PDB file of N, CA and C in Angstrom:
ATOM      1  N   MET A   1      89.308 162.909  47.239  1.00  0.00           N
ATOM      2  CA  MET A   1      90.077 161.926  46.506  1.00  0.00           C
ATOM      3  C   MET A   1      89.555 161.796  45.082  1.00  0.00           C
ATOM      4  N   VAL A   2      88.251 161.748  44.905  1.00  0.00           N
ATOM      5  CA  VAL A   2      87.673 161.601  43.572  1.00  0.00           C
ATOM      6  C   VAL A   2      87.995 162.829  42.720  1.00  0.00           C
ATOM      7  N   LEU A   3      87.890 164.035  43.319  1.00  0.00           N
ATOM      8  CA  LEU A   3      88.187 165.249  42.564  1.00  0.00           C
ATOM      9  C   LEU A   3      89.637 165.276  42.123  1.00  0.00           C
ATOM     10  N   PHE A   4      90.550 164.869  43.002  1.00  0.00           N
ATOM     11  CA  PHE A   4      91.965 164.835  42.637  1.00  0.00           C
ATOM     12  C   PHE A   4      92.190 163.856  41.500  1.00  0.00           C
ATOM     13  N   LEU A   5      91.558 162.705  41.580  1.00  0.00           N
ATOM     14  CA  LEU A   5      91.697 161.691  40.543  1.00  0.00           C
ATOM     15  C   LEU A   5      91.176 162.208  39.215  1.00  0.00           C
ATOM     16  N   LEU A   6      90.020 162.887  39.239  1.00  0.00           N
ATOM     17  CA  LEU A   6      89.474 163.451  38.014  1.00  0.00           C
ATOM     18  C   LEU A   6      90.395 164.524  37.450  1.00  0.00           C
ATOM     19  N   ALA A   7      90.913 165.375  38.320  1.00  0.00           N
ATOM     20  CA  ALA A   7      91.828 166.414  37.864  1.00  0.00           C
ATOM     21  C   ALA A   7      93.074 165.791  37.254  1.00  0.00           C
ATOM     22  N   THR A   8      93.586 164.733  37.870  1.00  0.00           N
ATOM     23  CA  THR A   8      94.758 164.057  37.342  1.00  0.00           C
ATOM     24  C   THR A   8      94.459 163.448  35.986  1.00  0.00           C
ATOM     25  N   CYS A   9      93.300 162.832  35.842  1.00  0.00           N
ATOM     26  CA  CYS A   9      92.907 162.247  34.550  1.00  0.00           C
ATOM     27  C   CYS A   9      92.760 163.332  33.496  1.00  0.00           C
ATOM     28  N   ASP A  10      92.137 164.461  33.862  1.00  0.00           N
ATOM     29  CA  ASP A  10      91.987 165.569  32.919  1.00  0.00           C
ATOM     30  C   ASP A  10      93.347 166.096  32.483  1.00  0.00           C
ATOM     31  N   LEU A  11      94.264 166.232  33.431  1.00  0.00           N
ATOM     32  CA  LEU A  11      95.600 166.721  33.122  1.00  0.00           C
ATOM     33  C   LEU A  11      96.326 165.757  32.189  1.00  0.00           C
ATOM     34  N   ARG A  12      96.216 164.474  32.455  1.00  0.00           N
ATOM     35  CA  ARG A  12      96.868 163.484  31.592  1.00  0.00           C
ATOM     36  C   ARG A  12      96.271 163.504  30.196  1.00  0.00           C
ATOM     37  N   LEU A  13      94.965 163.618  30.097  1.00  0.00           N
ATOM     38  CA  LEU A  13      94.304 163.669  28.799  1.00  0.00           C
ATOM     39  C   LEU A  13      94.716 164.936  28.051  1.00  0.00           C
ATOM     40  N   ALA A  14      94.732 166.060  28.739  1.00  0.00           N
ATOM     41  CA  ALA A  14      95.137 167.318  28.109  1.00  0.00           C
ATOM     42  C   ALA A  14      96.576 167.227  27.609  1.00  0.00           C
ATOM     43  N   THR A  15      97.455 166.624  28.406  1.00  0.00           N
ATOM     44  CA  THR A  15      98.845 166.468  28.003  1.00  0.00           C
ATOM     45  C   THR A  15      98.951 165.570  26.773  1.00  0.00           C
ATOM     46  N   LEU A  16      98.218 164.476  26.779  1.00  0.00           N
ATOM     47  CA  LEU A  16      98.222 163.553  25.644  1.00  0.00           C
ATOM     48  C   LEU A  16      97.719 164.242  24.377  1.00  0.00           C
ATOM     49  N   LEU A  17      96.625 164.978  24.498  1.00  0.00           N
ATOM     50  CA  LEU A  17      96.077 165.673  23.335  1.00  0.00           C
ATOM     51  C   LEU A  17      97.026 166.753  22.817  1.00  0.00           C
ATOM     52  N   THR A  18      97.672 167.464  23.733  1.00  0.00           N
ATOM     53  CA  THR A  18      98.605 168.509  23.323  1.00  0.00           C
ATOM     54  C   THR A  18      99.822 167.900  22.645  1.00  0.00           C
ATOM     55  N   ARG A  19     100.322 166.786  23.153  1.00  0.00           N
ATOM     56  CA  ARG A  19     101.453 166.114  22.510  1.00  0.00           C
ATOM     57  C   ARG A  19     101.076 165.648  21.101  1.00  0.00           C
ATOM     58  N   SER A  20      99.864 165.148  20.944  1.00  0.00           N
ATOM     59  CA  SER A  20      99.403 164.725  19.617  1.00  0.00           C
ATOM     60  C   SER A  20      99.323 165.919  18.675  1.00  0.00           C
ATOM     61  N   LEU A  21      98.768 167.018  19.168  1.00  0.00           N
ATOM     62  CA  LEU A  21      98.690 168.235  18.368  1.00  0.00           C
ATOM     63  C   LEU A  21     100.082 168.712  17.971  1.00  0.00           C
ATOM     64  N   ALA A  22     101.017 168.669  18.912  1.00  0.00           N
ATOM     65  CA  ALA A  22     102.384 169.138  18.661  1.00  0.00           C
ATOM     66  C   ALA A  22     103.025 168.408  17.490  1.00  0.00           C
ATOM     67  N   GLN A  23     102.719 167.142  17.331  1.00  0.00           N
ATOM     68  CA  GLN A  23     103.298 166.355  16.239  1.00  0.00           C
ATOM     69  C   GLN A  23     102.737 166.766  14.881  1.00  0.00           C
ATOM     70  N   GLU A  24     101.561 167.376  14.871  1.00  0.00           N
ATOM     71  CA  GLU A  24     100.896 167.736  13.624  1.00  0.00           C
ATOM     72  C   GLU A  24     101.179 169.167  13.165  1.00  0.00           C
ATOM     73  N   LEU A  25     101.764 169.968  14.025  1.00  0.00           N
ATOM     74  CA  LEU A  25     101.962 171.381  13.704  1.00  0.00           C
ATOM     75  C   LEU A  25     103.103 171.584  12.713  1.00  0.00           C
ATOM     76  N   PRO A  26     102.988 172.620  11.876  1.00  0.00           N
ATOM     77  CA  PRO A  26     104.086 172.930  10.958  1.00  0.00           C
ATOM     78  C   PRO A  26     105.277 173.515  11.719  1.00  0.00           C
ATOM     79  N   THR A  27     106.418 173.494  11.075  1.00  0.00           N
ATOM     80  CA  THR A  27     107.628 174.071  11.656  1.00  0.00           C
ATOM     81  C   THR A  27     107.372 175.527  12.033  1.00  0.00           C
ATOM     82  N   GLY A  28     107.863 175.910  13.197  1.00  0.00           N
ATOM     83  CA  GLY A  28     107.695 177.279  13.667  1.00  0.00           C
ATOM     84  C   GLY A  28     106.518 177.461  14.612  1.00  0.00           C
ATOM     85  N   MET A  29     105.683 176.438  14.744  1.00  0.00           N
ATOM     86  CA  MET A  29     104.570 176.494  15.685  1.00  0.00           C
ATOM     87  C   MET A  29     104.794 175.447  16.760  1.00  0.00           C
ATOM     88  N   ALA A  30     104.248 175.700  17.927  1.00  0.00           N
ATOM     89  CA  ALA A  30     104.420 174.754  19.034  1.00  0.00           C
ATOM     90  C   ALA A  30     103.140 174.677  19.861  1.00  0.00           C
ATOM     91  N   ALA A  31     102.911 173.519  20.435  1.00  0.00           N
ATOM     92  CA  ALA A  31     101.820 173.302  21.395  1.00  0.00           C
ATOM     93  C   ALA A  31     102.480 172.779  22.662  1.00  0.00           C
ATOM     94  N   ILE A  32     102.324 173.505  23.747  1.00  0.00           N
ATOM     95  CA  ILE A  32     103.017 173.167  24.989  1.00  0.00           C
ATOM     96  C   ILE A  32     101.994 173.062  26.120  1.00  0.00           C
ATOM     97  N   PRO A  33     101.835 171.854  26.691  1.00  0.00           N
ATOM     98  CA  PRO A  33     100.938 171.738  27.851  1.00  0.00           C
ATOM     99  C   PRO A  33     101.595 172.420  29.054  1.00  0.00           C
ATOM    100  N   LEU A  34     101.028 173.518  29.486  1.00  0.00           N
ATOM    101  CA  LEU A  34     101.637 174.344  30.524  1.00  0.00           C
ATOM    102  C   LEU A  34     100.799 174.332  31.790  1.00  0.00           C
ATOM    103  N   ASN A  35     101.389 173.843  32.865  1.00  0.00           N
ATOM    104  CA  ASN A  35     100.739 173.827  34.174  1.00  0.00           C
ATOM    105  C   ASN A  35     101.131 175.118  34.894  1.00  0.00           C
ATOM    106  N   PRO A  36     100.176 176.005  35.166  1.00  0.00           N
ATOM    107  CA  PRO A  36     100.520 177.264  35.808  1.00  0.00           C
ATOM    108  C   PRO A  36     100.798 177.142  37.303  1.00  0.00           C
ATOM    109  N   GLY A  37     100.531 175.977  37.891  1.00  0.00           N
ATOM    110  CA  GLY A  37     100.650 175.835  39.336  1.00  0.00           C
ATOM    111  C   GLY A  37      99.392 176.380  40.001  1.00  0.00           C
ATOM    112  N   ILE A  38      99.421 176.494  41.315  1.00  0.00           N
ATOM    113  CA  ILE A  38      98.261 177.022  42.050  1.00  0.00           C
ATOM    114  C   ILE A  38      98.506 178.502  42.327  1.00  0.00           C
ATOM    115  N   ILE A  39      97.572 179.328  41.879  1.00  0.00           N
ATOM    116  CA  ILE A  39      97.710 180.773  41.975  1.00  0.00           C
ATOM    117  C   ILE A  39      96.584 181.313  42.855  1.00  0.00           C
ATOM    118  N   HIS A  40      96.933 182.234  43.741  1.00  0.00           N
ATOM    119  CA  HIS A  40      95.939 182.844  44.631  1.00  0.00           C
ATOM    120  C   HIS A  40      95.089 183.832  43.831  1.00  0.00           C
ATOM    121  N   THR A  41      93.931 183.369  43.434  1.00  0.00           N
ATOM    122  CA  THR A  41      92.964 184.190  42.704  1.00  0.00           C
ATOM    123  C   THR A  41      91.680 184.290  43.521  1.00  0.00           C
ATOM    124  N   ASP A  42      90.756 185.107  43.055  1.00  0.00           N
ATOM    125  CA  ASP A  42      89.454 185.208  43.730  1.00  0.00           C
ATOM    126  C   ASP A  42      88.765 183.846  43.761  1.00  0.00           C
ATOM    127  N   MET A  43      88.860 183.113  42.658  1.00  0.00           N
ATOM    128  CA  MET A  43      88.215 181.801  42.601  1.00  0.00           C
ATOM    129  C   MET A  43      88.843 180.844  43.614  1.00  0.00           C
ATOM    130  N   LEU A  44      90.156 180.910  43.780  1.00  0.00           N
ATOM    131  CA  LEU A  44      90.819 180.057  44.771  1.00  0.00           C
ATOM    132  C   LEU A  44      90.362 180.442  46.178  1.00  0.00           C
ATOM    133  N   SER A  45      90.194 181.725  46.420  1.00  0.00           N
ATOM    134  CA  SER A  45      89.724 182.183  47.731  1.00  0.00           C
ATOM    135  C   SER A  45      88.333 181.649  48.040  1.00  0.00           C
ATOM    136  N   ILE A  46      87.485 181.596  47.011  1.00  0.00           N
ATOM    137  CA  ILE A  46      86.136 181.059  47.209  1.00  0.00           C
ATOM    138  C   ILE A  46      86.213 179.578  47.560  1.00  0.00           C
ATOM    139  N   SER A  47      87.091 178.859  46.882  1.00  0.00           N
ATOM    140  CA  SER A  47      87.203 177.408  47.087  1.00  0.00           C
ATOM    141  C   SER A  47      87.983 177.042  48.349  1.00  0.00           C
ATOM    142  N   PHE A  48      89.099 177.739  48.582  1.00  0.00           N
ATOM    143  CA  PHE A  48      90.016 177.364  49.661  1.00  0.00           C
ATOM    144  C   PHE A  48      89.851 178.200  50.920  1.00  0.00           C
ATOM    145  N   GLY A  49      89.103 179.294  50.826  1.00  0.00           N
ATOM    146  CA  GLY A  49      88.944 180.167  51.986  1.00  0.00           C
ATOM    147  C   GLY A  49      90.268 180.804  52.374  1.00  0.00           C
ATOM    148  N   GLU A  50      90.551 180.865  53.663  1.00  0.00           N
ATOM    149  CA  GLU A  50      91.778 181.501  54.158  1.00  0.00           C
ATOM    150  C   GLU A  50      93.043 180.779  53.691  1.00  0.00           C
ATOM    151  N   GLU A  51      92.942 179.491  53.379  1.00  0.00           N
ATOM    152  CA  GLU A  51      94.095 178.713  52.896  1.00  0.00           C
ATOM    153  C   GLU A  51      94.651 179.272  51.587  1.00  0.00           C
ATOM    154  N   ALA A  52      93.828 179.964  50.803  1.00  0.00           N
ATOM    155  CA  ALA A  52      94.266 180.504  49.516  1.00  0.00           C
ATOM    156  C   ALA A  52      95.439 181.462  49.683  1.00  0.00           C
ATOM    157  N   ALA A  53      95.520 182.126  50.830  1.00  0.00           N
ATOM    158  CA  ALA A  53      96.599 183.080  51.083  1.00  0.00           C
ATOM    159  C   ALA A  53      97.973 182.402  51.123  1.00  0.00           C
ATOM    160  N   ASN A  54      98.007 181.082  51.245  1.00  0.00           N
ATOM    161  CA  ASN A  54      99.276 180.348  51.268  1.00  0.00           C
ATOM    162  C   ASN A  54      99.873 180.140  49.879  1.00  0.00           C
ATOM    163  N   TYR A  55      99.141 180.525  48.838  1.00  0.00           N
ATOM    164  CA  TYR A  55      99.607 180.309  47.469  1.00  0.00           C
ATOM    165  C   TYR A  55     100.050 181.619  46.832  1.00  0.00           C
ATOM    166  N   THR A  56     100.784 181.504  45.741  1.00  0.00           N
ATOM    167  CA  THR A  56     101.376 182.655  45.063  1.00  0.00           C
ATOM    168  C   THR A  56     100.313 183.624  44.564  1.00  0.00           C
ATOM    169  N   PRO A  57     100.421 184.907  44.933  1.00  0.00           N
ATOM    170  CA  PRO A  57      99.487 185.911  44.397  1.00  0.00           C
ATOM    171  C   PRO A  57      99.718 186.097  42.896  1.00  0.00           C
ATOM    172  N   VAL A  58      98.677 186.499  42.182  1.00  0.00           N
ATOM    173  CA  VAL A  58      98.765 186.685  40.738  1.00  0.00           C
ATOM    174  C   VAL A  58      99.901 187.640  40.375  1.00  0.00           C
ATOM    175  N   SER A  59     100.035 188.732  41.113  1.00  0.00           N
ATOM    176  CA  SER A  59     101.068 189.731  40.792  1.00  0.00           C
ATOM    177  C   SER A  59     102.477 189.130  40.852  1.00  0.00           C
ATOM    178  N   ASN A  60     102.731 188.230  41.781  1.00  0.00           N
ATOM    179  CA  ASN A  60     104.041 187.566  41.858  1.00  0.00           C
ATOM    180  C   ASN A  60     104.180 186.496  40.789  1.00  0.00           C
ATOM    181  N   TRP A  61     103.083 185.780  40.512  1.00  0.00           N
ATOM    182  CA  TRP A  61     103.119 184.721  39.511  1.00  0.00           C
ATOM    183  C   TRP A  61     103.463 185.282  38.138  1.00  0.00           C
ATOM    184  N   VAL A  62     102.884 186.422  37.805  1.00  0.00           N
ATOM    185  CA  VAL A  62     103.130 187.050  36.505  1.00  0.00           C
ATOM    186  C   VAL A  62     104.617 187.355  36.328  1.00  0.00           C
ATOM    187  N   LEU A  63     105.266 187.782  37.394  1.00  0.00           N
ATOM    188  CA  LEU A  63     106.695 188.110  37.300  1.00  0.00           C
ATOM    189  C   LEU A  63     107.542 186.875  36.962  1.00  0.00           C
ATOM    190  N   LYS A  64     107.073 185.697  37.351  1.00  0.00           N
ATOM    191  CA  LYS A  64     107.770 184.450  36.999  1.00  0.00           C
ATOM    192  C   LYS A  64     107.304 183.913  35.654  1.00  0.00           C
ATOM    193  N   ALA A  65     106.012 184.006  35.404  1.00  0.00           N
ATOM    194  CA  ALA A  65     105.429 183.361  34.228  1.00  0.00           C
ATOM    195  C   ALA A  65     105.807 184.037  32.913  1.00  0.00           C
ATOM    196  N   VAL A  66     105.799 185.358  32.879  1.00  0.00           N
ATOM    197  CA  VAL A  66     106.066 186.054  31.614  1.00  0.00           C
ATOM    198  C   VAL A  66     107.454 185.720  31.078  1.00  0.00           C
ATOM    199  N   PRO A  67     108.531 185.850  31.868  1.00  0.00           N
ATOM    200  CA  PRO A  67     109.845 185.472  31.330  1.00  0.00           C
ATOM    201  C   PRO A  67     109.911 183.984  30.951  1.00  0.00           C
ATOM    202  N   PHE A  68     109.266 183.134  31.748  1.00  0.00           N
ATOM    203  CA  PHE A  68     109.246 181.701  31.457  1.00  0.00           C
ATOM    204  C   PHE A  68     108.615 181.444  30.088  1.00  0.00           C
ATOM    205  N   ILE A  69     107.457 182.044  29.849  1.00  0.00           N
ATOM    206  CA  ILE A  69     106.744 181.845  28.588  1.00  0.00           C
ATOM    207  C   ILE A  69     107.520 182.445  27.419  1.00  0.00           C
ATOM    208  N   LEU A  70     108.104 183.618  27.617  1.00  0.00           N
ATOM    209  CA  LEU A  70     108.860 184.256  26.539  1.00  0.00           C
ATOM    210  C   LEU A  70     110.130 183.487  26.175  1.00  0.00           C
ATOM    211  N   ASN A  71     110.608 182.631  27.073  1.00  0.00           N
ATOM    212  CA  ASN A  71     111.819 181.846  26.799  1.00  0.00           C
ATOM    213  C   ASN A  71     111.531 180.450  26.258  1.00  0.00           C
ATOM    214  N   LEU A  72     110.273 180.141  25.982  1.00  0.00           N
ATOM    215  CA  LEU A  72     109.965 178.835  25.400  1.00  0.00           C
ATOM    216  C   LEU A  72     110.565 178.743  24.002  1.00  0.00           C
ATOM    217  N   LYS A  73     111.053 177.572  23.664  1.00  0.00           N
ATOM    218  CA  LYS A  73     111.729 177.340  22.388  1.00  0.00           C
ATOM    219  C   LYS A  73     111.038 176.216  21.622  1.00  0.00           C
ATOM    220  N   PRO A  74     111.352 176.057  20.336  1.00  0.00           N
ATOM    221  CA  PRO A  74     110.783 174.953  19.567  1.00  0.00           C
ATOM    222  C   PRO A  74     111.033 173.580  20.194  1.00  0.00           C
ATOM    223  N   LYS A  75     112.135 173.422  20.926  1.00  0.00           N
ATOM    224  CA  LYS A  75     112.425 172.140  21.586  1.00  0.00           C
ATOM    225  C   LYS A  75     111.389 171.805  22.659  1.00  0.00           C
ATOM    226  N   ASP A  76     110.638 172.810  23.117  1.00  0.00           N
ATOM    227  CA  ASP A  76     109.614 172.597  24.139  1.00  0.00           C
ATOM    228  C   ASP A  76     108.296 172.089  23.552  1.00  0.00           C
ATOM    229  N   ASN A  77     108.223 171.997  22.243  1.00  0.00           N
ATOM    230  CA  ASN A  77     106.997 171.559  21.576  1.00  0.00           C
ATOM    231  C   ASN A  77     106.572 170.186  22.089  1.00  0.00           C
ATOM    232  N   GLY A  78     105.377 170.116  22.666  1.00  0.00           N
ATOM    233  CA  GLY A  78     104.834 168.856  23.163  1.00  0.00           C
ATOM    234  C   GLY A  78     105.318 168.426  24.522  1.00  0.00           C
ATOM    235  N   VAL A  79     106.219 169.193  25.133  1.00  0.00           N
ATOM    236  CA  VAL A  79     106.773 168.844  26.448  1.00  0.00           C
ATOM    237  C   VAL A  79     105.937 169.484  27.544  1.00  0.00           C
ATOM    238  N   PRO A  80     105.384 168.697  28.474  1.00  0.00           N
ATOM    239  CA  PRO A  80     104.629 169.297  29.577  1.00  0.00           C
ATOM    240  C   PRO A  80     105.554 170.087  30.514  1.00  0.00           C
ATOM    241  N   LEU A  81     105.226 171.328  30.781  1.00  0.00           N
ATOM    242  CA  LEU A  81     106.049 172.188  31.633  1.00  0.00           C
ATOM    243  C   LEU A  81     105.202 172.788  32.747  1.00  0.00           C
ATOM    244  N   THR A  82     105.869 173.145  33.831  1.00  0.00           N
ATOM    245  CA  THR A  82     105.208 173.767  34.973  1.00  0.00           C
ATOM    246  C   THR A  82     105.933 175.045  35.332  1.00  0.00           C
ATOM    247  N   ILE A  83     105.177 176.083  35.621  1.00  0.00           N
ATOM    248  CA  ILE A  83     105.758 177.337  36.090  1.00  0.00           C
ATOM    249  C   ILE A  83     105.902 177.226  37.603  1.00  0.00           C
ATOM    250  N   HIS A  84     107.124 177.332  38.090  1.00  0.00           N
ATOM    251  CA  HIS A  84     107.403 177.221  39.538  1.00  0.00           C
ATOM    252  C   HIS A  84     107.626 178.583  40.127  1.00  0.00           C
TER     253      HIS A  84
END
């Protein structure tokens, strides 16, 4: 519970800081707080053990993430987004 709360606080702080940065950037630049979701990596396997296999493998995540990132627009500046 404490770890989740800390992670939530960190995420909120990161989002707040990114939104503040977004307001200061010149036209043509953007700062977007991007939540990648939970990805099955070696580090996740160490932490979650066999449960890590229930999450998206990196190879599948990349196929979703690259088009998502390449389609970001200036309107996304400062908007928290998640790759699903």
